[in-house]
C-alpha atoms as a PDB file:
ATOM      1  CA  MET A   1      11.268 252.415  10.807  1.00  0.00           C
ATOM      2  CA  PRO A   2      13.533 250.078   8.800  1.00  0.00           C
ATOM      3  CA  VAL A   3      13.999 246.399   9.519  1.00  0.00           C
ATOM      4  CA  SER A   4      17.553 247.095  10.716  1.00  0.00           C
ATOM      5  CA  SER A   5      16.097 248.838  13.776  1.00  0.00           C
ATOM      6  CA  TYR A   6      14.352 245.674  14.901  1.00  0.00           C
ATOM      7  CA  CYS A   7      16.398 242.705  13.700  1.00  0.00           C
ATOM      8  CA  ARG A   8      18.619 240.624  15.915  1.00  0.00           C
ATOM      9  CA  ARG A   9      22.204 241.354  14.975  1.00  0.00           C
ATOM     10  CA  SER A  10      25.048 238.849  14.574  1.00  0.00           C
ATOM     11  CA  PRO A  11      22.912 235.809  13.710  1.00  0.00           C
ATOM     12  CA  CYS A  12      24.156 232.296  14.361  1.00  0.00           C
ATOM     13  CA  THR A  13      25.389 230.762  11.160  1.00  0.00           C
ATOM     14  CA  ALA A  14      26.359 227.381   9.742  1.00  0.00           C
ATOM     15  CA  ALA A  15      28.498 226.200   6.855  1.00  0.00           C
ATOM     16  CA  PRO A  16      26.886 224.052   4.144  1.00  0.00           C
ATOM     17  CA  GLY A  17      29.334 221.224   4.757  1.00  0.00           C
ATOM     18  CA  GLU A  18      28.962 220.795   8.508  1.00  0.00           C
ATOM     19  CA  THR A  19      26.817 218.005   9.933  1.00  0.00           C
ATOM     20  CA  LEU A  20      23.304 218.258  11.334  1.00  0.00           C
ATOM     21  CA  GLN A  21      24.530 217.044  14.709  1.00  0.00           C
ATOM     22  CA  VAL A  22      27.066 219.859  14.939  1.00  0.00           C
ATOM     23  CA  SER A  23      24.393 222.360  13.939  1.00  0.00           C
ATOM     24  CA  ALA A  24      21.996 221.010  16.566  1.00  0.00           C
ATOM     25  CA  GLN A  25      24.710 221.352  19.197  1.00  0.00           C
ATOM     26  CA  ARG A  26      25.261 224.974  18.175  1.00  0.00           C
ATOM     27  CA  MET A  27      21.537 225.675  18.403  1.00  0.00           C
ATOM     28  CA  GLU A  28      21.499 224.254  21.910  1.00  0.00           C
ATOM     29  CA  LYS A  29      24.533 226.264  22.984  1.00  0.00           C
ATOM     30  CA  GLU A  30      23.290 229.552  21.511  1.00  0.00           C
ATOM     31  CA  GLY A  31      19.649 229.054  22.441  1.00  0.00           C
ATOM     32  CA  VAL A  32      18.366 229.647  18.890  1.00  0.00           C
ATOM     33  CA  GLY A  33      16.032 227.788  16.559  1.00  0.00           C
ATOM     34  CA  LEU A  34      17.472 228.914  13.239  1.00  0.00           C
ATOM     35  CA  LEU A  35      20.913 228.992  11.648  1.00  0.00           C
ATOM     36  CA  VAL A  36      21.614 231.078   8.559  1.00  0.00           C
ATOM     37  CA  VAL A  37      23.714 228.992   6.171  1.00  0.00           C
ATOM     38  CA  VAL A  38      26.321 231.240   4.590  1.00  0.00           C
ATOM     39  CA  GLU A  39      29.028 231.104   1.958  1.00  0.00           C
ATOM     40  CA  GLU A  40      31.395 234.062   1.767  1.00  0.00           C
ATOM     41  CA  GLY A  41      29.094 235.967   4.077  1.00  0.00           C
ATOM     42  CA  ARG A  42      26.036 235.588   1.849  1.00  0.00           C
ATOM     43  CA  PRO A  43      22.994 233.496   2.833  1.00  0.00           C
ATOM     44  CA  VAL A  44      22.529 230.379   0.704  1.00  0.00           C
ATOM     45  CA  GLY A  45      20.007 228.701   2.970  1.00  0.00           C
ATOM     46  CA  VAL A  46      18.432 228.503   6.396  1.00  0.00           C
ATOM     47  CA  LEU A  47      18.370 225.549   8.768  1.00  0.00           C
ATOM     48  CA  SER A  48      15.738 225.340  11.506  1.00  0.00           C
ATOM     49  CA  ASP A  49      15.426 222.972  14.436  1.00  0.00           C
ATOM     50  CA  ARG A  50      12.458 221.490  12.589  1.00  0.00           C
ATOM     51  CA  ASP A  51      14.590 220.817   9.505  1.00  0.00           C
ATOM     52  CA  ILE A  52      17.041 218.926  11.680  1.00  0.00           C
ATOM     53  CA  ALA A  53      14.332 216.942  13.455  1.00  0.00           C
ATOM     54  CA  LEU A  54      12.570 215.841  10.289  1.00  0.00           C
ATOM     55  CA  GLU A  55      15.625 215.209   8.130  1.00  0.00           C
ATOM     56  CA  ALA A  56      17.632 213.402  10.777  1.00  0.00           C
ATOM     57  CA  LEU A  57      14.832 211.410  12.392  1.00  0.00           C
ATOM     58  CA  ALA A  58      11.719 211.192  10.218  1.00  0.00           C
ATOM     59  CA  ALA A  59      13.766 210.762   7.032  1.00  0.00           C
ATOM     60  CA  ARG A  60      16.034 208.236   8.789  1.00  0.00           C
ATOM     61  CA  ARG A  61      19.323 209.964   7.964  1.00  0.00           C
ATOM     62  CA  ASP A  62      22.338 209.814  10.227  1.00  0.00           C
ATOM     63  CA  PRO A  63      22.791 213.326  11.689  1.00  0.00           C
ATOM     64  CA  ALA A  64      26.455 212.602  12.361  1.00  0.00           C
ATOM     65  CA  VAL A  65      27.182 212.441   8.629  1.00  0.00           C
ATOM     66  CA  THR A  66      24.256 214.226   6.934  1.00  0.00           C
ATOM     67  CA  ARG A  67      25.370 217.684   5.863  1.00  0.00           C
ATOM     68  CA  VAL A  68      23.538 220.939   6.381  1.00  0.00           C
ATOM     69  CA  GLU A  69      23.256 221.598   2.648  1.00  0.00           C
ATOM     70  CA  ASP A  70      21.221 218.398   2.292  1.00  0.00           C
ATOM     71  CA  ALA A  71      18.612 219.499   4.849  1.00  0.00           C
ATOM     72  CA  MET A  72      18.525 223.291   4.649  1.00  0.00           C
ATOM     73  CA  THR A  73      15.914 225.400   2.901  1.00  0.00           C
ATOM     74  CA  LYS A  74      17.736 226.714  -0.145  1.00  0.00           C
ATOM     75  CA  ARG A  75      17.357 230.160  -1.691  1.00  0.00           C
ATOM     76  CA  PRO A  76      15.884 231.605   1.512  1.00  0.00           C
ATOM     77  CA  VAL A  77      13.558 234.565   1.516  1.00  0.00           C
ATOM     78  CA  THR A  78      15.556 237.551   2.769  1.00  0.00           C
ATOM     79  CA  ILE A  79      14.779 241.144   3.604  1.00  0.00           C
ATOM     80  CA  ARG A  80      16.935 244.208   3.039  1.00  0.00           C
ATOM     81  CA  ALA A  81      18.034 246.024   6.176  1.00  0.00           C
ATOM     82  CA  ASP A  82      16.622 249.296   4.856  1.00  0.00           C
ATOM     83  CA  ALA A  83      13.209 247.809   3.993  1.00  0.00           C
ATOM     84  CA  PRO A  84      10.205 249.058   5.965  1.00  0.00           C
ATOM     85  CA  ILE A  85       8.741 246.891   8.710  1.00  0.00           C
ATOM     86  CA  ALA A  86       5.537 246.379   6.725  1.00  0.00           C
ATOM     87  CA  GLU A  87       7.519 244.656   3.972  1.00  0.00           C
ATOM     88  CA  ALA A  88       8.985 242.151   6.433  1.00  0.00           C
ATOM     89  CA  VAL A  89       5.513 241.359   7.774  1.00  0.00           C
ATOM     90  CA  LEU A  90       4.258 240.884   4.212  1.00  0.00           C
ATOM     91  CA  HIS A  91       7.120 238.502   3.372  1.00  0.00           C
ATOM     92  CA  MET A  92       6.478 236.415   6.485  1.00  0.00           C
ATOM     93  CA  SER A  93       2.786 236.205   5.720  1.00  0.00           C
ATOM     94  CA  ARG A  94       3.137 235.343   2.027  1.00  0.00           C
ATOM     95  CA  GLN A  95       5.997 232.875   2.438  1.00  0.00           C
ATOM     96  CA  GLY A  96       4.688 231.238   5.613  1.00  0.00           C
ATOM     97  CA  VAL A  97       7.968 231.663   7.501  1.00  0.00           C
ATOM     98  CA  ARG A  98       8.670 232.753  11.075  1.00  0.00           C
ATOM     99  CA  ARG A  99      12.143 234.179  10.547  1.00  0.00           C
ATOM    100  CA  LEU A 100      13.838 236.192   7.806  1.00  0.00           C
ATOM    101  CA  PRO A 101      17.572 236.707   7.311  1.00  0.00           C
ATOM    102  CA  VAL A 102      18.351 240.431   7.067  1.00  0.00           C
ATOM    103  CA  VAL A 103      20.920 241.443   4.459  1.00  0.00           C
ATOM    104  CA  ASP A 104      22.749 244.656   3.616  1.00  0.00           C
ATOM    105  CA  ALA A 105      23.086 246.284   0.189  1.00  0.00           C
ATOM    106  CA  GLY A 106      25.789 243.756  -0.699  1.00  0.00           C
ATOM    107  CA  GLU A 107      23.487 240.830   0.171  1.00  0.00           C
ATOM    108  CA  ARG A 108      25.603 239.946   3.223  1.00  0.00           C
ATOM    109  CA  THR A 109      23.818 238.645   6.294  1.00  0.00           C
ATOM    110  CA  ILE A 110      23.702 241.114   9.172  1.00  0.00           C
ATOM    111  CA  GLY A 111      20.848 239.763  11.277  1.00  0.00           C
ATOM    112  CA  VAL A 112      17.554 237.914  11.583  1.00  0.00           C
ATOM    113  CA  ILE A 113      14.055 239.218  12.223  1.00  0.00           C
ATOM    114  CA  ALA A 114      11.646 236.726  13.786  1.00  0.00           C
ATOM    115  CA  ALA A 115       7.923 236.344  14.317  1.00  0.00           C
ATOM    116  CA  ASP A 116       8.557 236.888  18.017  1.00  0.00           C
ATOM    117  CA  ASP A 117       9.405 240.482  17.121  1.00  0.00           C
ATOM    118  CA  LEU A 118       5.796 240.925  16.021  1.00  0.00           C
ATOM    119  CA  VAL A 119       4.898 242.598  19.303  1.00  0.00           C
ATOM    120  CA  ARG A 120       7.163 245.493  18.453  1.00  0.00           C
ATOM    121  CA  LEU A 121       5.864 245.473  14.897  1.00  0.00           C
ATOM    122  CA  LEU A 122       2.340 245.804  16.234  1.00  0.00           C
ATOM    123  CA  ALA A 123       3.427 248.800  18.273  1.00  0.00           C
ATOM    124  CA  GLU A 124       4.766 250.438  15.112  1.00  0.00           C
ATOM    125  CA  GLU A 125       1.557 249.686  13.218  1.00  0.00           C
ATOM    126  CA  ILE A 126      -0.490 251.234  16.010  1.00  0.00           C
ATOM    127  CA  ALA A 127       1.662 254.357  16.011  1.00  0.00           C
ATOM    128  CA  GLY A 128       1.210 254.614  12.238  1.00  0.00           C
ATOM    129  CA  LEU A 129      -2.557 254.316  12.484  1.00  0.00           C
ATOM    130  CA  ALA A 130      -2.636 257.008  15.155  1.00  0.00           C
ATOM    131  CA  ALA A 131      -0.654 259.334  12.877  1.00  0.00           C
ATOM    132  CA  VAL A 132      -3.010 258.748   9.940  1.00  0.00           C
ATOM    133  CA  VAL A 133      -6.089 259.511  11.999  1.00  0.00           C
ATOM    134  CA  THR A 134      -4.439 262.479  13.735  1.00  0.00           C
ATOM    135  CA  ALA A 135      -3.760 264.070  10.348  1.00  0.00           C
ATOM    136  CA  GLN A 136      -7.517 264.244   9.735  1.00  0.00           C
ATOM    137  CA  LEU A 137      -8.402 265.917  13.044  1.00  0.00           C
ATOM    138  CA  PRO A 138      -9.218 269.626  13.278  1.00  0.00           C
ATOM    139  CA  VAL A 139      -6.346 271.716  14.661  1.00  0.00           C
ATOM    140  CA  GLY A 140      -6.475 271.807  18.455  1.00  0.00           C
ATOM    141  CA  PHE A 141      -9.202 269.134  18.657  1.00  0.00           C
ATOM    142  CA  GLU A 142      -9.573 267.413  22.037  1.00  0.00           C
ATOM    143  CA  PRO A 143     -11.710 264.292  22.438  1.00  0.00           C
ATOM    144  CA  SER A 144     -14.647 264.791  24.786  1.00  0.00           C
ATOM    145  CA  VAL A 145     -15.847 261.222  25.158  1.00  0.00           C
ATOM    146  CA  ARG A 146     -13.962 258.195  26.436  1.00  0.00           C
ATOM    147  CA  VAL A 147     -14.597 254.676  25.197  1.00  0.00           C
ATOM    148  CA  PRO A 148     -15.821 252.464  28.044  1.00  0.00           C
ATOM    149  CA  GLU A 149     -14.075 249.154  28.601  1.00  0.00           C
ATOM    150  CA  ALA A 150     -16.023 246.291  27.119  1.00  0.00           C
ATOM    151  CA  GLU A 151     -17.345 243.842  29.685  1.00  0.00           C
ATOM    152  CA  GLY A 152     -16.949 240.156  28.911  1.00  0.00           C
ATOM    153  CA  ALA A 153     -15.393 240.949  25.544  1.00  0.00           C
ATOM    154  CA  LEU A 154     -12.413 238.609  25.820  1.00  0.00           C
ATOM    155  CA  ARG A 155     -12.589 235.541  23.658  1.00  0.00           C
ATOM    156  CA  ARG A 156     -12.124 232.098  25.038  1.00  0.00           C
ATOM    157  CA  VAL A 157      -9.159 229.975  24.093  1.00  0.00           C
ATOM    158  CA  GLU A 158     -11.356 227.389  22.357  1.00  0.00           C
ATOM    159  CA  HIS A 159     -11.468 229.637  19.288  1.00  0.00           C
ATOM    160  CA  PHE A 160      -7.746 229.069  18.724  1.00  0.00           C
ATOM    161  CA  GLY A 161      -7.725 225.280  18.805  1.00  0.00           C
ATOM    162  CA  GLY A 162      -5.766 223.281  16.247  1.00  0.00           C
ATOM    163  CA  GLU A 163      -5.110 219.688  15.318  1.00  0.00           C
ATOM    164  CA  VAL A 164      -3.958 217.468  18.182  1.00  0.00           C
ATOM    165  CA  VAL A 165      -1.587 214.660  17.249  1.00  0.00           C
ATOM    166  CA  CYS A 166      -0.810 212.214  20.044  1.00  0.00           C
ATOM    167  CA  VAL A 167       1.582 209.339  20.714  1.00  0.00           C
ATOM    168  CA  ARG A 168       1.771 207.044  23.697  1.00  0.00           C
ATOM    169  CA  SER A 169       4.474 207.665  26.280  1.00  0.00           C
ATOM    170  CA  GLY A 170       6.233 204.411  25.338  1.00  0.00           C
ATOM    171  CA  ALA A 171       6.549 205.342  21.667  1.00  0.00           C
ATOM    172  CA  PRO A 172      10.083 205.666  20.299  1.00  0.00           C
ATOM    173  CA  VAL A 173      11.276 209.109  19.279  1.00  0.00           C
ATOM    174  CA  ARG A 174      11.398 208.005  15.651  1.00  0.00           C
ATOM    175  CA  GLU A 175       7.628 207.553  15.725  1.00  0.00           C
ATOM    176  CA  VAL A 176       7.203 211.050  17.121  1.00  0.00           C
ATOM    177  CA  ALA A 177       9.251 212.564  14.283  1.00  0.00           C
ATOM    178  CA  GLU A 178       7.350 210.593  11.664  1.00  0.00           C
ATOM    179  CA  ALA A 179       4.030 211.766  13.131  1.00  0.00           C
ATOM    180  CA  MET A 180       5.231 215.382  12.963  1.00  0.00           C
ATOM    181  CA  ARG A 181       6.134 215.034   9.310  1.00  0.00           C
ATOM    182  CA  GLU A 182       2.939 213.168   8.369  1.00  0.00           C
ATOM    183  CA  HIS A 183       0.615 215.685  10.036  1.00  0.00           C
ATOM    184  CA  THR A 184       2.769 218.791   9.413  1.00  0.00           C
ATOM    185  CA  VAL A 185       2.743 219.847  13.052  1.00  0.00           C
ATOM    186  CA  GLY A 186       5.446 221.104  15.385  1.00  0.00           C
ATOM    187  CA  CYS A 187       4.105 219.688  18.625  1.00  0.00           C
ATOM    188  CA  ILE A 188       3.048 216.179  19.636  1.00  0.00           C
ATOM    189  CA  VAL A 189       1.076 215.463  22.813  1.00  0.00           C
ATOM    190  CA  VAL A 190       2.354 212.435  24.727  1.00  0.00           C
ATOM    191  CA  THR A 191      -0.458 210.568  26.475  1.00  0.00           C
ATOM    192  CA  GLY A 192      -0.513 208.244  29.459  1.00  0.00           C
ATOM    193  CA  ASP A 193      -2.247 204.903  29.865  1.00  0.00           C
ATOM    194  CA  ALA A 194      -5.665 206.522  30.304  1.00  0.00           C
ATOM    195  CA  GLY A 195      -5.221 208.854  27.347  1.00  0.00           C
ATOM    196  CA  GLU A 196      -4.504 211.854  29.552  1.00  0.00           C
ATOM    197  CA  PRO A 197      -1.851 214.356  28.370  1.00  0.00           C
ATOM    198  CA  ALA A 198       1.399 213.487  30.148  1.00  0.00           C
ATOM    199  CA  GLY A 199       3.716 215.847  28.299  1.00  0.00           C
ATOM    200  CA  VAL A 200       4.551 217.395  24.937  1.00  0.00           C
ATOM    201  CA  VAL A 201       7.376 216.972  22.445  1.00  0.00           C
ATOM    202  CA  THR A 202       8.225 219.723  19.958  1.00  0.00           C
ATOM    203  CA  ASP A 203      10.399 219.675  16.873  1.00  0.00           C
ATOM    204  CA  ARG A 204      12.941 221.673  18.872  1.00  0.00           C
ATOM    205  CA  ASP A 205      12.988 218.952  21.554  1.00  0.00           C
ATOM    206  CA  LEU A 206      13.884 216.407  18.890  1.00  0.00           C
ATOM    207  CA  ALA A 207      16.762 218.532  17.592  1.00  0.00           C
ATOM    208  CA  ILE A 208      18.178 219.551  20.972  1.00  0.00           C
ATOM    209  CA  ARG A 209      17.436 216.509  23.128  1.00  0.00           C
ATOM    210  CA  VAL A 210      17.958 213.735  20.579  1.00  0.00           C
ATOM    211  CA  VAL A 211      20.061 214.834  17.611  1.00  0.00           C
ATOM    212  CA  ALA A 212      22.493 217.093  19.512  1.00  0.00           C
ATOM    213  CA  PRO A 213      23.539 214.440  22.083  1.00  0.00           C
ATOM    214  CA  GLY A 214      23.453 211.667  19.479  1.00  0.00           C
ATOM    215  CA  LEU A 215      20.729 209.507  21.057  1.00  0.00           C
ATOM    216  CA  ASP A 216      19.305 206.514  19.198  1.00  0.00           C
ATOM    217  CA  PRO A 217      15.791 207.554  18.030  1.00  0.00           C
ATOM    218  CA  ASP A 218      14.663 203.934  17.776  1.00  0.00           C
ATOM    219  CA  VAL A 219      15.510 203.224  21.409  1.00  0.00           C
ATOM    220  CA  THR A 220      14.887 206.574  23.094  1.00  0.00           C
ATOM    221  CA  LEU A 221      11.263 206.895  24.222  1.00  0.00           C
ATOM    222  CA  ALA A 222       9.000 209.929  23.964  1.00  0.00           C
ATOM    223  CA  SER A 223       8.639 209.925  27.747  1.00  0.00           C
ATOM    224  CA  ALA A 224      12.407 210.448  28.100  1.00  0.00           C
ATOM    225  CA  ILE A 225      12.513 213.724  26.160  1.00  0.00           C
ATOM    226  CA  MET A 226       9.040 215.204  26.627  1.00  0.00           C
ATOM    227  CA  SER A 227       8.384 218.341  28.627  1.00  0.00           C
ATOM    228  CA  SER A 228       6.398 217.131  31.613  1.00  0.00           C
ATOM    229  CA  PRO A 229       3.961 217.597  33.223  1.00  0.00           C
ATOM    230  CA  ALA A 230       1.879 218.859  30.336  1.00  0.00           C
ATOM    231  CA  ILE A 231       0.725 222.437  30.777  1.00  0.00           C
ATOM    232  CA  THR A 232      -2.884 222.536  29.608  1.00  0.00           C
ATOM    233  CA  ALA A 233      -5.773 224.997  29.357  1.00  0.00           C
ATOM    234  CA  GLN A 234      -9.526 224.570  29.506  1.00  0.00           C
ATOM    235  CA  ALA A 235     -11.544 225.471  26.419  1.00  0.00           C
ATOM    236  CA  SER A 236     -13.509 227.950  28.533  1.00  0.00           C
ATOM    237  CA  ASP A 237     -10.399 229.778  29.805  1.00  0.00           C
ATOM    238  CA  PRO A 238     -10.162 233.460  28.830  1.00  0.00           C
ATOM    239  CA  LEU A 239      -7.491 234.296  26.305  1.00  0.00           C
ATOM    240  CA  GLU A 240      -5.453 236.560  28.567  1.00  0.00           C
ATOM    241  CA  GLN A 241      -5.117 233.788  31.160  1.00  0.00           C
ATOM    242  CA  VAL A 242      -3.562 231.432  28.593  1.00  0.00           C
ATOM    243  CA  VAL A 243      -1.210 234.149  27.335  1.00  0.00           C
ATOM    244  CA  ALA A 244      -0.060 234.798  30.900  1.00  0.00           C
ATOM    245  CA  THR A 245       0.559 231.060  31.385  1.00  0.00           C
ATOM    246  CA  MET A 246       2.645 230.896  28.212  1.00  0.00           C
ATOM    247  CA  ARG A 247       4.806 233.771  29.398  1.00  0.00           C
ATOM    248  CA  THR A 248       5.285 232.649  32.989  1.00  0.00           C
ATOM    249  CA  ARG A 249       5.915 229.006  32.089  1.00  0.00           C
ATOM    250  CA  GLY A 250       8.056 229.765  29.052  1.00  0.00           C
ATOM    251  CA  VAL A 251       6.049 227.685  26.549  1.00  0.00           C
ATOM    252  CA  ARG A 252       4.756 228.483  23.061  1.00  0.00           C
ATOM    253  CA  ARG A 253       2.039 225.844  22.741  1.00  0.00           C
ATOM    254  CA  ILE A 254      -0.622 224.675  25.190  1.00  0.00           C
ATOM    255  CA  PRO A 255      -2.996 221.711  24.664  1.00  0.00           C
ATOM    256  CA  ILE A 256      -6.680 222.530  25.200  1.00  0.00           C
ATOM    257  CA  LEU A 257      -9.009 220.296  27.202  1.00  0.00           C
ATOM    258  CA  SER A 258     -12.768 220.168  26.809  1.00  0.00           C
ATOM    259  CA  ASP A 259     -14.688 218.001  29.253  1.00  0.00           C
ATOM    260  CA  GLY A 260     -11.425 216.293  30.152  1.00  0.00           C
ATOM    261  CA  ARG A 261     -10.571 215.404  26.547  1.00  0.00           C
ATOM    262  CA  LEU A 262      -8.022 216.953  24.203  1.00  0.00           C
ATOM    263  CA  SER A 263      -9.777 219.293  21.786  1.00  0.00           C
ATOM    264  CA  GLY A 264      -7.009 221.463  20.337  1.00  0.00           C
ATOM    265  CA  ILE A 265      -3.705 223.257  20.751  1.00  0.00           C
ATOM    266  CA  VAL A 266      -3.202 226.992  21.060  1.00  0.00           C
ATOM    267  CA  ALA A 267       0.126 228.421  19.885  1.00  0.00           C
ATOM    268  CA  PHE A 268       1.640 231.780  20.769  1.00  0.00           C
ATOM    269  CA  ASP A 269       2.260 232.544  17.095  1.00  0.00           C
ATOM    270  CA  ASP A 270      -1.452 232.006  16.389  1.00  0.00           C
ATOM    271  CA  LEU A 271      -2.330 234.603  19.024  1.00  0.00           C
ATOM    272  CA  LEU A 272       0.036 237.186  17.596  1.00  0.00           C
ATOM    273  CA  VAL A 273      -1.265 236.643  14.080  1.00  0.00           C
ATOM    274  CA  ALA A 274      -4.829 236.964  15.353  1.00  0.00           C
ATOM    275  CA  PHE A 275      -4.067 240.235  17.099  1.00  0.00           C
ATOM    276  CA  GLY A 276      -2.320 241.523  14.001  1.00  0.00           C
ATOM    277  CA  GLU A 277      -5.394 240.773  11.918  1.00  0.00           C
ATOM    278  CA  GLU A 278      -7.566 242.514  14.509  1.00  0.00           C
ATOM    279  CA  LEU A 279      -5.363 245.573  14.169  1.00  0.00           C
ATOM    280  CA  ARG A 280      -5.654 245.620  10.391  1.00  0.00           C
ATOM    281  CA  ARG A 281      -9.432 245.297  10.573  1.00  0.00           C
ATOM    282  CA  LEU A 282      -9.585 248.110  13.087  1.00  0.00           C
ATOM    283  CA  GLY A 283      -7.503 250.352  10.870  1.00  0.00           C
ATOM    284  CA  ARG A 284      -9.634 249.728   7.798  1.00  0.00           C
ATOM    285  CA  ALA A 285     -12.879 250.242   9.705  1.00  0.00           C
ATOM    286  CA  THR A 286     -11.633 253.431  11.352  1.00  0.00           C
ATOM    287  CA  VAL A 287     -10.379 255.047   8.150  1.00  0.00           C
ATOM    288  CA  ARG A 288     -13.573 254.092   6.316  1.00  0.00           C
ATOM    289  CA  ASP A 289     -15.760 255.550   9.041  1.00  0.00           C
ATOM    290  CA  VAL A 290     -13.705 258.720   9.379  1.00  0.00           C
ATOM    291  CA  ARG A 291     -13.734 259.416   5.633  1.00  0.00           C
ATOM    292  CA  SER A 292     -17.473 258.910   5.316  1.00  0.00           C
ATOM    293  CA  GLU A 293     -18.348 261.177   8.226  1.00  0.00           C
ATOM    294  CA  ARG A 294     -15.403 263.533   8.449  1.00  0.00           C
ATOM    295  CA  ARG A 295     -17.649 266.642   8.588  1.00  0.00           C
ATOM    296  CA  SER A 296     -19.820 265.454  11.458  1.00  0.00           C
ATOM    297  CA  VAL A 297     -19.242 266.085  15.144  1.00  0.00           C
ATOM    298  CA  GLN A 298     -19.701 262.399  15.799  1.00  0.00           C
ATOM    299  CA  ALA A 299     -16.831 261.540  13.460  1.00  0.00           C
ATOM    300  CA  ASP A 300     -14.597 264.142  15.096  1.00  0.00           C
ATOM    301  CA  ARG A 301     -15.209 262.597  18.471  1.00  0.00           C
ATOM    302  CA  LEU A 302     -14.686 259.108  17.097  1.00  0.00           C
ATOM    303  CA  ARG A 303     -11.394 260.071  15.509  1.00  0.00           C
ATOM    304  CA  GLY A 304     -10.196 261.665  18.740  1.00  0.00           C
ATOM    305  CA  GLU A 305     -11.104 258.619  20.765  1.00  0.00           C
ATOM    306  CA  VAL A 306      -9.405 256.250  18.322  1.00  0.00           C
ATOM    307  CA  VAL A 307      -6.234 258.368  18.333  1.00  0.00           C
ATOM    308  CA  GLU A 308      -6.043 258.293  22.113  1.00  0.00           C
ATOM    309  CA  ARG A 309      -6.683 254.563  22.291  1.00  0.00           C
ATOM    310  CA  LEU A 310      -4.120 253.778  19.615  1.00  0.00           C
ATOM    311  CA  ARG A 311      -1.523 255.878  21.381  1.00  0.00           C
ATOM    312  CA  GLU A 312      -2.185 254.052  24.624  1.00  0.00           C
ATOM    313  CA  LEU A 313      -1.941 250.677  22.895  1.00  0.00           C
ATOM    314  CA  GLY A 314       1.354 251.613  21.280  1.00  0.00           C
ATOM    315  CA  THR A 315       2.848 252.662  24.600  1.00  0.00           C
ATOM    316  CA  ARG A 316       1.712 249.492  26.342  1.00  0.00           C
ATOM    317  CA  LEU A 317       2.991 247.181  23.618  1.00  0.00           C
ATOM    318  CA  GLN A 318       6.468 248.708  23.891  1.00  0.00           C
ATOM    319  CA  ASP A 319       6.800 247.139  27.340  1.00  0.00           C
ATOM    320  CA  VAL A 320       5.144 243.751  27.093  1.00  0.00           C
ATOM    321  CA  GLY A 321       4.012 242.077  30.310  1.00  0.00           C
ATOM    322  CA  ASP A 322       1.599 239.344  31.303  1.00  0.00           C
ATOM    323  CA  LYS A 323      -1.393 241.668  31.020  1.00  0.00           C
ATOM    324  CA  THR A 324      -0.475 243.352  27.748  1.00  0.00           C
ATOM    325  CA  LEU A 325      -2.187 241.056  25.253  1.00  0.00           C
ATOM    326  CA  HIS A 326      -5.153 240.926  27.638  1.00  0.00           C
ATOM    327  CA  GLY A 327      -5.339 244.699  27.397  1.00  0.00           C
ATOM    328  CA  VAL A 328      -4.938 244.648  23.612  1.00  0.00           C
ATOM    329  CA  ALA A 329      -7.872 242.266  23.255  1.00  0.00           C
ATOM    330  CA  ARG A 330     -10.053 244.430  25.472  1.00  0.00           C
ATOM    331  CA  GLU A 331      -9.125 247.577  23.575  1.00  0.00           C
ATOM    332  CA  PHE A 332      -9.906 246.000  20.211  1.00  0.00           C
ATOM    333  CA  GLU A 333     -13.306 244.859  21.436  1.00  0.00           C
ATOM    334  CA  ALA A 334     -14.102 248.293  22.890  1.00  0.00           C
ATOM    335  CA  LEU A 335     -13.072 250.083  19.703  1.00  0.00           C
ATOM    336  CA  ARG A 336     -15.086 247.762  17.505  1.00  0.00           C
ATOM    337  CA  GLU A 337     -18.133 248.272  19.704  1.00  0.00           C
ATOM    338  CA  ARG A 338     -17.683 252.045  19.521  1.00  0.00           C
ATOM    339  CA  LEU A 339     -17.382 251.905  15.737  1.00  0.00           C
ATOM    340  CA  ARG A 340     -20.484 249.732  15.531  1.00  0.00           C
ATOM    341  CA  ARG A 341     -22.544 252.105  17.644  1.00  0.00           C
ATOM    342  CA  SER A 342     -21.349 255.139  15.724  1.00  0.00           C
ATOM    343  CA  GLY A 343     -22.732 253.720  12.520  1.00  0.00           C
ATOM    344  CA  LYS A 344     -26.318 253.512  13.806  1.00  0.00           C
END
């Protein structure tokens, strides 16, 4: 399927000459984190909430007069509307971006495809893998063995921990922005007097809650704009529990506690990337195993089982719910175990 089937149409745009404050206000109104900067309908840059936060606050520039063209990412990576989904995934991975402007044959912006759309991309990848394996099955073949669900296969959230940057609750917003830029992070944990996590501040919070309303970053405190109370997870928590919390609470990052102390941060994007990598590994292992044993009964059964599992995964990913990523993790573990046993 082409990118045009998945992208978000009619993207929010900005003009190069408008101010960062106006752009932040538009982001707040439209509920988006990226504006495509256009001239005569063609993209000349992209402006994210992070760009606004760092340029207006960490770089100490007045957002009421600083223009978009001075803060935007110029010559943005774009994707043609008729390009295959795999190409968009490749661009995101190689360029380290979460969103791509989608352009038509005339290089005019028609939409945006984001990392959040990766769930649907995974569904397409699964369907493609199922088709590849199906093509190698004997005509009329029906699998005779089912793969048992793996017990205790889910990973714990501690494996997804990242750097934790903290500021005290009484720190001015300017300090928060400077810490984000220095450590190249998008989330700062705000701590209380005893060092406990009291809340979190993201780069989006800085753009929407400080720049948009025109607050003074040297006077406004982190405690005034943080999301509180902090939603945390224990390092021993199963992965699916944290995913469910992210979805129900509407957050993308959750600090991890180990023995009462901050030990990392798990981000929703990290989970999606991890599952995508699991899928690629599964595909390579399956094709390799099938090709090496395609004449054996064992391989026939394995191929049939993989086809059925991949079809089920594709169907479930089309309608994402709290238990979906939990199920995906379990399926990956079960398939890997089956592949491992088949090689003995």
